[in-house]
Amino acid sequence: MTVTAKELVRDDAAWEAFVAASATPTHLQTTAWAAIKRPNGWGAFRVAVPAGKEVLGAQVLVQRARPLPYGIGYIPRGPVGADLLEALPAFTERLRTGARARRLGYVRIEPEAELSPELRALLRQEGWRPAPHVQPESTHIIDIGRPEEEVWAGIHRKARQSVTKSERLGVRVVEAGGSRLGDFYTIHTDAMVRAGIAARADRTYQDMWEQLAPRGMARLLFAEATDTGDPIATLFLVSCGPRVVDLYGGTTAEGARRRANYLLKWEAIKRSREWGFTEYDLWGLPREGIARFKSGFGGREIHYIGAWDLVVDRVGRALLDTGMAARDRYRRWRYRDVHRPDAADA
């Protein structure tokens, strides 16, 4: 059944099915993600335009910058659906109208579109300008719709050796429910602190689980030491349509000694295939060490077009920029002893 742009704007179920069936299925464009963001003050609305027999649409997250009368729009990993090169002009016009009606200073998009000179030129032509990215600018996506032996063969030899060595060192992988979110948070937070990154509040992951797990969109895995039963590594997986995203994780010092992250990653890939998914997104290559580790598991490396801003109200944009600069200065001061991701030992 063909869905119309109007149906996607007003019908949550139609929108969910549309995102899941798109060429770029992303949890960041689902209504569940909008519900997760709501407690932090974000609202949402949808924009969709026809593009031949297809539709290009986006869920726009909105945050009001109180006490200013303006808001910020954000489209993570969107829009989705039709080819951006074909539908971007009509989409931009419709988005600008919707953003003005909601008094947004600007809207930022980070489409899951690969870097190309043609798309960059079109974005600029339609009034978009490059902006600081929020989502990862590159990733590896593994085709796990193939037979398991082909997926295994695509993993680098040294990574395969680490997987088998981890098993010899006494590591097993188990799936867990929401009752073990505390264990996940302990491991994840410790890993973030050791990397010099400020961790989110534990309530964030609880909210995510409560919204995503009932929809079958969240799974929690642990690597455990077989001799003690202690959890030594963890992964929080999020899915949308045929894709699984390796979103959050962490490894303890003991887990690192036993190379638990290698076995855990392989088991997550293998089990995701068994659960019926066909893509495994390793979600970002932020630093050399992480990129080297993730690249060892194969897949296609993708570089995205990045983040782009559409200014809707110039006065609003100027006021919002001033307010955010002040907020960022406060955050740098507040987390001056914690957030140091560029440090040599991070």
Foldseek 3Di string as FASTA:
>chain_A
DQDAQVCCQPPLVVVQVQLLPFPHNDPCQHVLVQQLCVVVAKHWGKGWDDQVSKIWMFIWIWHDDPPDLAIETETEQDGTMDDCLRCVLVRLVRVLVVRVVSRHQKYKYFHQAFADPSNVVVCVVSQKDADAFDFFQKWFKAFLLDPPVVLVVQFAPVLNVLLVQLVVQAKDKDWDAPVCLVVFCVFQCVQQQQLLAHDDDSVSVVSSRVSQVVVVFWIKMFIAGRVPRRTFKIFIWGDGNQEIERDTMGGHPVCVVSSVVSNHVSVVSVVSVVVPHGMYIPTHDDDDVSVVSRCSSHGDMGGGNGMIMHGSHNVNVVVVVVVVVVVVVVVCVVSVVRHDNPDPSD
